[in-house]
């Protein structure tokens, strides 16, 4: 009778552990997806992107994508993901086209990008004009001519009809990560179980 009671107790304990398993593996899933974001190296950033954000890996800039990875448990399922609007195009790739303007306007330097993040494109151009700059619109660029005599025009923005973002998948687990997940789950479910 004692072996049967021990077996029933082991089954009950296994069932309790199985209910807790999704919460236990959720941090692992989040961490591994974040590692994927860090490890994407190809396709490389375009020369303009490198100029604006430096030599950071393609999916890393300010850390918003990485920090947005979250997980939730629904029953016995763990769902991990992000709510950032730009995450799908980073993962799957695609083409961005302007919705209301004739062209996309891409900052040509880090300094311009910082200003645009605060003021917006129109606000930044208005700020320059108030400071005496002359703004020159060309088909493929927007230039700024400083108010002092003699300086060359400065490239402020590149204008494009569309931008194609290559796929850089990060919302997945590799075979190695799946093996680690399986080992973690087995450890949680079976360690020290009768």
N, C-alpha and C. Protein backbone atom coordinates (compact mmCIF):
# COMPACT_ATOMS: atom_id res chain seq x y z
N UNK A 1 0.81 -1.19 0.00
CA UNK A 1 0.00 0.00 0.00
C UNK A 1 0.86 1.27 0.00
N UNK A 2 2.01 1.21 0.73
CA UNK A 2 2.87 2.38 0.82
C UNK A 2 3.41 2.79 -0.56
N UNK A 3 3.89 1.84 -1.42
CA UNK A 3 4.36 2.25 -2.75
C UNK A 3 3.26 2.93 -3.57
N UNK A 4 2.03 2.47 -3.44
CA UNK A 4 0.93 3.08 -4.17
C UNK A 4 0.70 4.51 -3.69
N UNK A 5 0.73 4.74 -2.40
CA UNK A 5 0.56 6.09 -1.85
C UNK A 5 1.70 7.01 -2.29
N UNK A 6 2.92 6.47 -2.30
CA UNK A 6 4.06 7.26 -2.77
C UNK A 6 3.89 7.63 -4.24
N UNK A 7 3.40 6.68 -5.02
CA UNK A 7 3.18 6.94 -6.45
C UNK A 7 2.12 8.03 -6.63
N UNK A 8 1.01 7.92 -5.89
CA UNK A 8 -0.06 8.91 -5.99
C UNK A 8 0.46 10.29 -5.58
N UNK A 9 1.26 10.35 -4.52
CA UNK A 9 1.83 11.62 -4.07
C UNK A 9 2.78 12.19 -5.13
N UNK A 10 3.58 11.34 -5.76
CA UNK A 10 4.50 11.79 -6.82
C UNK A 10 3.72 12.34 -8.01
N UNK A 11 2.60 11.69 -8.38
CA UNK A 11 1.77 12.17 -9.48
C UNK A 11 1.16 13.53 -9.13
N UNK A 12 0.68 13.66 -7.88
CA UNK A 12 0.11 14.94 -7.44
C UNK A 12 1.17 16.04 -7.48
N UNK A 13 2.36 15.74 -6.99
CA UNK A 13 3.44 16.74 -6.98
C UNK A 13 3.84 17.10 -8.42
N UNK A 14 3.88 16.08 -9.29
CA UNK A 14 4.20 16.34 -10.71
C UNK A 14 3.15 17.28 -11.32
N UNK A 15 1.88 17.04 -11.02
CA UNK A 15 0.81 17.90 -11.54
C UNK A 15 0.95 19.34 -11.06
N UNK A 16 1.33 19.51 -9.80
CA UNK A 16 1.53 20.86 -9.25
C UNK A 16 2.70 21.54 -9.97
N UNK A 17 3.77 20.81 -10.18
CA UNK A 17 4.93 21.38 -10.88
C UNK A 17 4.57 21.73 -12.33
N UNK A 18 3.77 20.87 -12.95
CA UNK A 18 3.38 21.13 -14.34
C UNK A 18 2.58 22.42 -14.44
N UNK A 19 1.73 22.70 -13.45
CA UNK A 19 0.96 23.95 -13.46
C UNK A 19 1.87 25.17 -13.32
N UNK A 20 2.96 25.02 -12.57
CA UNK A 20 3.89 26.12 -12.33
C UNK A 20 4.92 26.27 -13.46
N UNK A 21 5.04 25.27 -14.31
CA UNK A 21 6.08 25.26 -15.35
C UNK A 21 6.06 26.51 -16.24
N UNK A 22 4.90 26.94 -16.76
CA UNK A 22 4.93 28.13 -17.62
C UNK A 22 5.54 29.36 -16.96
N UNK A 23 5.17 29.63 -15.70
CA UNK A 23 5.76 30.78 -14.99
C UNK A 23 7.25 30.60 -14.78
N UNK A 24 7.67 29.36 -14.59
CA UNK A 24 9.09 29.09 -14.35
C UNK A 24 9.93 29.28 -15.62
N UNK A 25 9.37 28.97 -16.79
CA UNK A 25 10.17 29.07 -18.02
C UNK A 25 10.02 30.42 -18.72
N UNK A 26 9.05 31.22 -18.30
CA UNK A 26 8.84 32.54 -18.93
C UNK A 26 10.11 33.39 -18.91
N UNK A 27 10.83 33.53 -17.80
CA UNK A 27 12.06 34.35 -17.83
C UNK A 27 13.10 33.82 -18.81
N UNK A 28 13.17 32.50 -18.94
CA UNK A 28 14.11 31.90 -19.90
C UNK A 28 13.77 32.34 -21.33
N UNK A 29 12.49 32.27 -21.69
CA UNK A 29 12.08 32.65 -23.04
C UNK A 29 12.41 34.12 -23.33
N UNK A 30 12.10 34.98 -22.39
CA UNK A 30 12.37 36.41 -22.57
C UNK A 30 13.87 36.64 -22.74
N UNK A 31 14.66 36.04 -21.88
CA UNK A 31 16.12 36.20 -21.93
C UNK A 31 16.69 35.70 -23.26
N UNK A 32 16.20 34.58 -23.75
CA UNK A 32 16.74 34.01 -25.00
C UNK A 32 16.37 34.87 -26.21
N UNK A 33 15.15 35.42 -26.23
CA UNK A 33 14.78 36.31 -27.33
C UNK A 33 15.64 37.57 -27.27
N UNK A 34 15.90 38.08 -26.09
CA UNK A 34 16.79 39.23 -25.95
C UNK A 34 18.19 38.90 -26.46
N UNK A 35 18.66 37.69 -26.17
CA UNK A 35 19.97 37.26 -26.69
C UNK A 35 19.95 37.24 -28.22
N UNK A 36 18.82 36.80 -28.79
CA UNK A 36 18.71 36.78 -30.26
C UNK A 36 18.85 38.20 -30.82
N UNK A 37 18.22 39.16 -30.17
CA UNK A 37 18.32 40.56 -30.61
C UNK A 37 19.78 41.00 -30.60
N UNK A 38 20.49 40.64 -29.54
CA UNK A 38 21.90 41.02 -29.41
C UNK A 38 22.78 40.34 -30.45
N UNK A 39 22.41 39.13 -30.86
CA UNK A 39 23.32 38.34 -31.70
C UNK A 39 23.10 38.53 -33.20
N UNK A 40 22.03 39.19 -33.62
CA UNK A 40 21.81 39.39 -35.06
C UNK A 40 22.90 40.31 -35.60
N UNK A 41 23.66 39.82 -36.55
CA UNK A 41 24.74 40.61 -37.16
C UNK A 41 24.50 40.86 -38.65
N UNK A 42 23.71 40.02 -39.26
CA UNK A 42 23.45 40.10 -40.70
C UNK A 42 21.96 40.15 -40.95
N UNK A 43 21.50 40.76 -42.00
CA UNK A 43 22.25 41.65 -42.88
C UNK A 43 22.70 42.89 -42.12
N UNK A 44 23.85 43.39 -42.51
CA UNK A 44 24.43 44.56 -41.86
C UNK A 44 23.60 45.81 -42.11
N UNK A 45 23.84 46.80 -41.28
CA UNK A 45 23.17 48.09 -41.46
C UNK A 45 23.69 48.79 -42.70
N UNK A 46 22.84 49.61 -43.29
CA UNK A 46 23.22 50.40 -44.46
C UNK A 46 24.26 51.46 -44.05
N UNK A 47 25.02 51.99 -44.98
CA UNK A 47 25.99 53.03 -44.64
C UNK A 47 25.35 54.24 -43.94
N UNK A 48 24.16 54.65 -44.37
CA UNK A 48 23.50 55.79 -43.72
C UNK A 48 23.14 55.44 -42.28
N UNK A 49 22.63 54.25 -42.05
CA UNK A 49 22.29 53.82 -40.69
C UNK A 49 23.54 53.79 -39.82
N UNK A 50 24.64 53.29 -40.36
CA UNK A 50 25.89 53.27 -39.61
C UNK A 50 26.33 54.68 -39.23
N UNK A 51 26.14 55.61 -40.14
CA UNK A 51 26.52 57.00 -39.87
C UNK A 51 25.67 57.59 -38.75
N UNK A 52 24.40 57.24 -38.72
CA UNK A 52 23.48 57.82 -37.75
C UNK A 52 23.57 57.13 -36.39
N UNK A 53 23.67 55.81 -36.37
CA UNK A 53 23.65 55.12 -35.07
C UNK A 53 24.96 54.48 -34.67
N UNK A 54 25.95 54.53 -35.52
CA UNK A 54 27.24 53.96 -35.17
C UNK A 54 27.30 52.48 -35.46
N UNK A 55 28.25 51.81 -34.86
CA UNK A 55 28.54 50.41 -35.17
C UNK A 55 27.74 49.41 -34.33
N UNK A 56 26.65 49.84 -33.75
CA UNK A 56 25.83 48.92 -32.96
C UNK A 56 25.26 47.84 -33.87
N UNK A 57 24.99 46.66 -33.31
CA UNK A 57 24.38 45.59 -34.13
C UNK A 57 23.05 46.06 -34.75
N UNK A 58 22.63 45.43 -35.83
CA UNK A 58 21.43 45.88 -36.55
C UNK A 58 20.18 46.08 -35.70
N UNK A 59 19.92 45.22 -34.73
CA UNK A 59 18.69 45.35 -33.95
C UNK A 59 18.91 46.09 -32.63
N UNK A 60 20.08 46.67 -32.44
CA UNK A 60 20.35 47.41 -31.21
C UNK A 60 20.59 48.87 -31.53
N UNK A 61 19.93 49.73 -30.78
CA UNK A 61 20.16 51.15 -30.90
C UNK A 61 20.06 51.74 -29.50
N UNK A 62 18.86 52.01 -29.07
CA UNK A 62 18.66 52.59 -27.73
C UNK A 62 18.20 51.54 -26.73
N UNK A 63 17.96 50.33 -27.18
CA UNK A 63 17.56 49.26 -26.28
C UNK A 63 16.07 49.09 -26.10
N UNK A 64 15.26 49.86 -26.86
CA UNK A 64 13.81 49.78 -26.69
C UNK A 64 13.26 48.41 -27.10
N UNK A 65 13.72 47.88 -28.22
CA UNK A 65 13.22 46.58 -28.69
C UNK A 65 13.55 45.50 -27.67
N UNK A 66 14.78 45.46 -27.24
CA UNK A 66 15.23 44.46 -26.27
C UNK A 66 14.43 44.57 -24.97
N UNK A 67 14.26 45.80 -24.48
CA UNK A 67 13.55 46.01 -23.22
C UNK A 67 12.06 45.72 -23.33
N UNK A 68 11.52 45.75 -24.55
CA UNK A 68 10.08 45.55 -24.72
C UNK A 68 9.67 44.09 -24.70
N UNK A 69 10.63 43.17 -24.78
CA UNK A 69 10.27 41.75 -24.81
C UNK A 69 9.66 41.37 -23.47
N UNK A 70 8.47 40.83 -23.52
CA UNK A 70 7.73 40.46 -22.31
C UNK A 70 7.05 39.12 -22.55
N UNK A 71 6.60 38.54 -21.48
CA UNK A 71 5.91 37.26 -21.59
C UNK A 71 4.68 37.23 -20.70
N UNK A 72 3.75 36.39 -21.09
CA UNK A 72 2.58 36.18 -20.24
C UNK A 72 2.19 34.71 -20.32
N UNK A 73 1.53 34.27 -19.29
CA UNK A 73 1.11 32.88 -19.19
C UNK A 73 -0.39 32.83 -19.39
N UNK A 74 -0.82 31.94 -20.29
CA UNK A 74 -2.24 31.68 -20.51
C UNK A 74 -2.44 30.17 -20.37
N UNK A 75 -2.95 29.78 -19.23
CA UNK A 75 -3.12 28.36 -18.97
C UNK A 75 -1.76 27.69 -18.87
N UNK A 76 -1.52 26.73 -19.74
CA UNK A 76 -0.23 26.05 -19.74
C UNK A 76 0.69 26.57 -20.84
N UNK A 77 0.31 27.69 -21.47
CA UNK A 77 1.12 28.27 -22.55
C UNK A 77 1.86 29.50 -22.04
N UNK A 78 3.05 29.72 -22.62
CA UNK A 78 3.79 30.95 -22.39
C UNK A 78 3.84 31.68 -23.72
N UNK A 79 3.44 32.93 -23.71
CA UNK A 79 3.47 33.75 -24.92
C UNK A 79 4.49 34.86 -24.69
N UNK A 80 5.50 34.93 -25.55
CA UNK A 80 6.51 35.97 -25.43
C UNK A 80 6.44 36.83 -26.68
N UNK A 81 6.67 38.12 -26.51
CA UNK A 81 6.64 39.01 -27.66
C UNK A 81 6.89 40.45 -27.26
N UNK A 82 6.54 41.35 -28.17
CA UNK A 82 6.72 42.78 -27.97
C UNK A 82 5.52 43.51 -28.55
N UNK A 83 5.24 44.68 -28.02
CA UNK A 83 4.14 45.48 -28.56
C UNK A 83 4.66 46.67 -29.38
N UNK A 84 5.96 46.73 -29.66
CA UNK A 84 6.49 47.84 -30.45
C UNK A 84 6.02 47.73 -31.90
N UNK A 85 5.56 48.85 -32.44
CA UNK A 85 5.01 48.86 -33.81
C UNK A 85 6.04 48.46 -34.85
N UNK A 86 7.30 48.77 -34.63
CA UNK A 86 8.31 48.48 -35.65
C UNK A 86 8.91 47.07 -35.53
N UNK A 87 8.55 46.32 -34.51
CA UNK A 87 9.11 44.98 -34.32
C UNK A 87 8.82 44.04 -35.50
N UNK A 88 7.58 43.99 -36.03
CA UNK A 88 7.34 43.06 -37.14
C UNK A 88 8.22 43.32 -38.37
N UNK A 89 8.45 44.58 -38.71
CA UNK A 89 9.27 44.83 -39.90
C UNK A 89 10.73 44.50 -39.61
N UNK A 90 11.16 44.63 -38.37
CA UNK A 90 12.52 44.22 -38.02
C UNK A 90 12.65 42.70 -38.12
N UNK A 91 11.63 41.99 -37.69
CA UNK A 91 11.68 40.52 -37.70
C UNK A 91 11.49 39.95 -39.11
N UNK A 92 10.45 40.39 -39.80
CA UNK A 92 10.10 39.82 -41.10
C UNK A 92 10.71 40.56 -42.29
N UNK A 93 11.12 41.82 -42.07
CA UNK A 93 11.57 42.65 -43.19
C UNK A 93 10.37 43.23 -43.92
N UNK A 94 10.63 44.14 -44.84
CA UNK A 94 9.56 44.74 -45.61
C UNK A 94 9.97 46.09 -46.16
N UNK A 95 9.04 46.73 -46.80
CA UNK A 95 9.30 48.02 -47.42
C UNK A 95 8.44 49.09 -46.76
N UNK A 96 9.08 50.20 -46.43
CA UNK A 96 8.38 51.35 -45.84
C UNK A 96 8.22 52.40 -46.93
N UNK A 97 7.00 52.89 -47.09
CA UNK A 97 6.72 53.96 -48.05
C UNK A 97 6.01 55.09 -47.31
N UNK A 98 6.12 56.31 -47.81
CA UNK A 98 5.44 57.42 -47.14
C UNK A 98 3.93 57.30 -47.26
N UNK A 99 3.21 57.72 -46.24
CA UNK A 99 1.75 57.66 -46.26
C UNK A 99 1.14 58.95 -46.78
N UNK A 100 1.65 60.09 -46.32
CA UNK A 100 1.07 61.37 -46.73
C UNK A 100 2.06 62.28 -47.44
N UNK A 101 3.33 62.01 -47.31
CA UNK A 101 4.35 62.85 -47.93
C UNK A 101 4.80 62.24 -49.27
N UNK A 102 5.58 63.00 -50.01
CA UNK A 102 6.10 62.50 -51.28
C UNK A 102 7.27 61.56 -51.06
N UNK A 103 7.99 61.78 -49.95
CA UNK A 103 9.15 60.94 -49.69
C UNK A 103 9.37 60.77 -48.20
N UNK A 104 10.12 59.74 -47.86
CA UNK A 104 10.55 59.54 -46.49
C UNK A 104 11.72 60.48 -46.25
N UNK A 105 11.85 60.99 -45.05
CA UNK A 105 12.93 61.90 -44.70
C UNK A 105 13.74 61.24 -43.59
N UNK A 106 15.01 60.94 -43.91
CA UNK A 106 15.87 60.20 -42.99
C UNK A 106 16.99 61.11 -42.51
N UNK A 107 17.14 61.28 -41.20
CA UNK A 107 18.24 62.11 -40.69
C UNK A 107 19.59 61.61 -41.21
N UNK A 108 20.47 62.55 -41.55
CA UNK A 108 21.76 62.19 -42.14
C UNK A 108 22.89 62.15 -41.12
N UNK A 109 22.61 62.47 -39.86
CA UNK A 109 23.65 62.43 -38.84
C UNK A 109 23.02 62.18 -37.47
N UNK A 110 23.87 61.83 -36.51
CA UNK A 110 23.38 61.62 -35.14
C UNK A 110 22.80 62.90 -34.56
N UNK A 111 23.48 64.01 -34.81
CA UNK A 111 23.02 65.29 -34.26
C UNK A 111 21.62 65.63 -34.80
N UNK A 112 21.43 65.48 -36.10
CA UNK A 112 20.11 65.77 -36.69
C UNK A 112 19.07 64.83 -36.10
N UNK A 113 19.42 63.56 -35.97
CA UNK A 113 18.47 62.59 -35.42
C UNK A 113 18.04 62.97 -34.00
N UNK A 114 19.00 63.36 -33.16
CA UNK A 114 18.66 63.77 -31.78
C UNK A 114 17.69 64.94 -31.78
N UNK A 115 17.94 65.91 -32.64
CA UNK A 115 17.06 67.08 -32.73
C UNK A 115 15.66 66.68 -33.21
N UNK A 116 15.61 65.80 -34.20
CA UNK A 116 14.32 65.35 -34.75
C UNK A 116 13.53 64.56 -33.72
N UNK A 117 14.21 63.78 -32.90
CA UNK A 117 13.53 63.01 -31.86
C UNK A 117 12.82 63.94 -30.88
N UNK A 118 13.37 65.11 -30.67
CA UNK A 118 12.79 66.08 -29.75
C UNK A 118 11.76 66.99 -30.43
N UNK A 119 12.13 67.51 -31.59
CA UNK A 119 11.33 68.55 -32.23
C UNK A 119 10.48 68.07 -33.41
N UNK A 120 10.79 66.91 -33.96
CA UNK A 120 10.17 66.47 -35.20
C UNK A 120 10.91 67.12 -36.37
N UNK A 121 10.69 66.63 -37.58
CA UNK A 121 11.38 67.16 -38.75
C UNK A 121 11.01 68.62 -38.97
N UNK A 122 9.71 68.91 -39.02
CA UNK A 122 9.26 70.27 -39.28
C UNK A 122 9.77 71.23 -38.19
N UNK A 123 9.68 70.82 -36.93
CA UNK A 123 10.14 71.66 -35.83
C UNK A 123 11.63 71.93 -35.91
N UNK A 124 12.41 70.93 -36.30
CA UNK A 124 13.86 71.11 -36.43
C UNK A 124 14.18 72.08 -37.56
N UNK A 125 13.51 71.92 -38.70
CA UNK A 125 13.76 72.84 -39.82
C UNK A 125 13.34 74.27 -39.46
N UNK A 126 12.23 74.41 -38.75
CA UNK A 126 11.80 75.75 -38.31
C UNK A 126 12.81 76.36 -37.35
N UNK A 127 13.37 75.55 -36.47
CA UNK A 127 14.39 76.03 -35.53
C UNK A 127 15.60 76.57 -36.30
N UNK A 128 16.02 75.81 -37.31
CA UNK A 128 17.17 76.26 -38.11
C UNK A 128 16.86 77.57 -38.84
N UNK A 129 15.66 77.64 -39.43
CA UNK A 129 15.28 78.86 -40.15
C UNK A 129 15.25 80.08 -39.22
N UNK A 130 14.74 79.89 -38.01
CA UNK A 130 14.71 80.99 -37.03
C UNK A 130 16.12 81.43 -36.66
N UNK A 131 17.07 80.50 -36.74
CA UNK A 131 18.47 80.82 -36.41
C UNK A 131 19.20 81.39 -37.63
N UNK A 132 18.49 81.59 -38.73
CA UNK A 132 19.10 82.20 -39.91
C UNK A 132 19.57 81.24 -40.99
N UNK A 133 19.31 79.98 -40.81
CA UNK A 133 19.71 79.00 -41.81
C UNK A 133 18.78 79.09 -43.01
N UNK A 134 19.31 78.77 -44.16
CA UNK A 134 18.49 78.63 -45.36
C UNK A 134 18.33 77.12 -45.60
N UNK A 135 17.10 76.69 -45.77
CA UNK A 135 16.81 75.28 -46.02
C UNK A 135 16.59 75.08 -47.51
N UNK A 136 17.30 74.12 -48.09
CA UNK A 136 17.22 73.85 -49.52
C UNK A 136 16.70 72.43 -49.73
N UNK A 137 15.57 72.34 -50.42
CA UNK A 137 14.96 71.04 -50.70
C UNK A 137 15.39 70.59 -52.10
N UNK A 138 15.95 69.42 -52.19
CA UNK A 138 16.31 68.80 -53.45
C UNK A 138 15.54 67.49 -53.55
N UNK A 139 15.57 66.91 -54.73
CA UNK A 139 14.82 65.67 -54.93
C UNK A 139 15.25 64.56 -53.95
N UNK A 140 16.55 64.44 -53.71
CA UNK A 140 17.03 63.33 -52.88
C UNK A 140 17.57 63.73 -51.52
N UNK A 141 17.68 65.03 -51.25
CA UNK A 141 18.23 65.48 -49.97
C UNK A 141 17.56 66.78 -49.52
N UNK A 142 17.74 67.08 -48.24
CA UNK A 142 17.41 68.39 -47.70
C UNK A 142 18.71 68.92 -47.11
N UNK A 143 19.10 70.11 -47.57
CA UNK A 143 20.34 70.72 -47.14
C UNK A 143 20.05 71.91 -46.25
N UNK A 144 21.01 72.26 -45.42
CA UNK A 144 20.92 73.46 -44.60
C UNK A 144 22.15 74.30 -44.84
N UNK A 145 21.94 75.59 -45.11
CA UNK A 145 23.06 76.50 -45.30
C UNK A 145 23.12 77.41 -44.07
N UNK A 146 24.21 77.30 -43.29
CA UNK A 146 24.33 78.12 -42.08
C UNK A 146 24.33 79.61 -42.41
N UNK A 147 23.97 80.45 -41.43
CA UNK A 147 23.87 81.89 -41.68
C UNK A 147 25.21 82.58 -41.89
N UNK A 148 26.30 82.00 -41.45
CA UNK A 148 27.60 82.64 -41.62
C UNK A 148 28.06 82.52 -43.06
N UNK A 149 28.81 83.53 -43.53
CA UNK A 149 29.25 83.55 -44.94
C UNK A 149 30.25 82.46 -45.22
N UNK A 150 30.10 81.87 -46.37
CA UNK A 150 31.10 80.96 -46.88
C UNK A 150 30.96 79.48 -46.58
N UNK A 151 30.29 79.07 -45.49
CA UNK A 151 30.27 77.62 -45.24
C UNK A 151 29.46 76.88 -46.30
N UNK A 152 29.90 75.67 -46.52
CA UNK A 152 29.21 74.80 -47.48
C UNK A 152 27.86 74.37 -46.90
N UNK A 153 26.93 74.04 -47.78
CA UNK A 153 25.65 73.48 -47.29
C UNK A 153 25.91 72.18 -46.54
N UNK A 154 25.11 71.93 -45.53
CA UNK A 154 25.23 70.69 -44.75
C UNK A 154 24.07 69.77 -45.08
N UNK A 155 24.41 68.51 -45.23
CA UNK A 155 23.39 67.50 -45.49
C UNK A 155 22.62 67.26 -44.20
N UNK A 156 21.32 67.52 -44.21
CA UNK A 156 20.48 67.32 -43.04
C UNK A 156 19.69 66.02 -43.13
N UNK A 157 19.07 65.80 -44.29
CA UNK A 157 18.21 64.63 -44.47
C UNK A 157 18.43 64.03 -45.84
N UNK A 158 18.23 62.73 -45.91
CA UNK A 158 18.18 62.02 -47.18
C UNK A 158 16.71 61.73 -47.42
N UNK A 159 16.27 61.95 -48.67
CA UNK A 159 14.87 61.70 -49.04
C UNK A 159 14.81 60.45 -49.90
N UNK A 160 13.87 59.57 -49.58
CA UNK A 160 13.72 58.33 -50.34
C UNK A 160 12.24 58.06 -50.57
N UNK A 161 11.95 57.46 -51.73
CA UNK A 161 10.57 57.08 -52.04
C UNK A 161 10.14 55.87 -51.22
N UNK A 162 11.12 55.03 -50.89
CA UNK A 162 10.84 53.85 -50.08
C UNK A 162 12.15 53.37 -49.46
N UNK A 163 12.02 52.62 -48.39
CA UNK A 163 13.17 52.00 -47.74
C UNK A 163 12.82 50.54 -47.51
N UNK A 164 13.72 49.66 -47.93
CA UNK A 164 13.50 48.23 -47.71
C UNK A 164 14.35 47.78 -46.53
N UNK A 165 13.67 47.20 -45.56
CA UNK A 165 14.32 46.69 -44.35
C UNK A 165 14.47 45.18 -44.53
N UNK A 166 15.69 44.65 -44.43
CA UNK A 166 15.85 43.20 -44.56
C UNK A 166 15.33 42.48 -43.32
N UNK A 167 14.91 41.24 -43.50
CA UNK A 167 14.45 40.44 -42.36
C UNK A 167 15.63 40.13 -41.45
N UNK A 168 15.38 40.31 -40.16
CA UNK A 168 16.37 39.96 -39.14
C UNK A 168 15.61 39.24 -38.02
N UNK A 169 15.27 37.98 -38.25
CA UNK A 169 14.43 37.25 -37.30
C UNK A 169 15.06 37.16 -35.90
N UNK A 170 14.25 37.45 -34.90
CA UNK A 170 14.70 37.36 -33.51
C UNK A 170 13.67 36.69 -32.61
N UNK A 171 12.41 36.60 -33.06
CA UNK A 171 11.34 36.03 -32.24
C UNK A 171 11.21 34.53 -32.49
N UNK A 172 12.25 33.83 -32.15
CA UNK A 172 12.26 32.38 -32.31
C UNK A 172 13.27 31.79 -31.33
N UNK A 173 13.25 30.49 -31.19
CA UNK A 173 14.27 29.80 -30.41
C UNK A 173 15.05 28.89 -31.35
N UNK A 174 16.36 28.91 -31.22
CA UNK A 174 17.22 28.04 -32.02
C UNK A 174 17.11 26.61 -31.50
N UNK A 175 17.66 25.68 -32.24
CA UNK A 175 17.66 24.28 -31.78
C UNK A 175 18.37 24.17 -30.42
N UNK A 176 19.46 24.89 -30.26
CA UNK A 176 20.20 24.87 -29.00
C UNK A 176 19.35 25.45 -27.86
N UNK A 177 18.65 26.54 -28.14
CA UNK A 177 17.79 27.14 -27.12
C UNK A 177 16.63 26.21 -26.76
N UNK A 178 16.07 25.53 -27.76
CA UNK A 178 14.98 24.57 -27.48
C UNK A 178 15.49 23.42 -26.62
N UNK A 179 16.71 22.98 -26.87
CA UNK A 179 17.29 21.91 -26.06
C UNK A 179 17.47 22.38 -24.62
N UNK A 180 17.97 23.61 -24.44
CA UNK A 180 18.12 24.18 -23.10
C UNK A 180 16.77 24.31 -22.41
N UNK A 181 15.75 24.72 -23.16
CA UNK A 181 14.40 24.84 -22.60
C UNK A 181 13.89 23.48 -22.14
N UNK A 182 14.11 22.47 -22.96
CA UNK A 182 13.67 21.12 -22.59
C UNK A 182 14.39 20.66 -21.31
N UNK A 183 15.69 20.92 -21.23
CA UNK A 183 16.44 20.53 -20.03
C UNK A 183 15.94 21.27 -18.80
N UNK A 184 15.63 22.55 -18.96
CA UNK A 184 15.10 23.34 -17.86
C UNK A 184 13.75 22.79 -17.41
N UNK A 185 12.89 22.50 -18.37
CA UNK A 185 11.56 21.96 -18.04
C UNK A 185 11.68 20.62 -17.32
N UNK A 186 12.55 19.76 -17.81
CA UNK A 186 12.74 18.45 -17.16
C UNK A 186 13.26 18.62 -15.73
N UNK A 187 14.18 19.56 -15.56
CA UNK A 187 14.71 19.81 -14.21
C UNK A 187 13.60 20.28 -13.28
N UNK A 188 12.77 21.20 -13.76
CA UNK A 188 11.67 21.72 -12.92
C UNK A 188 10.67 20.62 -12.61
N UNK A 189 10.35 19.81 -13.61
CA UNK A 189 9.31 18.79 -13.43
C UNK A 189 9.78 17.57 -12.64
N UNK A 190 11.03 17.15 -12.83
CA UNK A 190 11.44 15.84 -12.31
C UNK A 190 12.48 15.88 -11.20
N UNK A 191 13.15 17.03 -10.97
CA UNK A 191 14.20 17.04 -9.97
C UNK A 191 13.64 16.73 -8.60
N UNK A 192 14.29 15.81 -7.94
CA UNK A 192 13.92 15.38 -6.58
C UNK A 192 12.47 14.87 -6.47
N UNK A 193 11.97 14.35 -7.56
CA UNK A 193 10.60 13.83 -7.55
C UNK A 193 10.68 12.32 -7.24
N UNK A 194 10.31 11.98 -6.03
CA UNK A 194 10.28 10.61 -5.55
C UNK A 194 11.14 9.73 -6.30
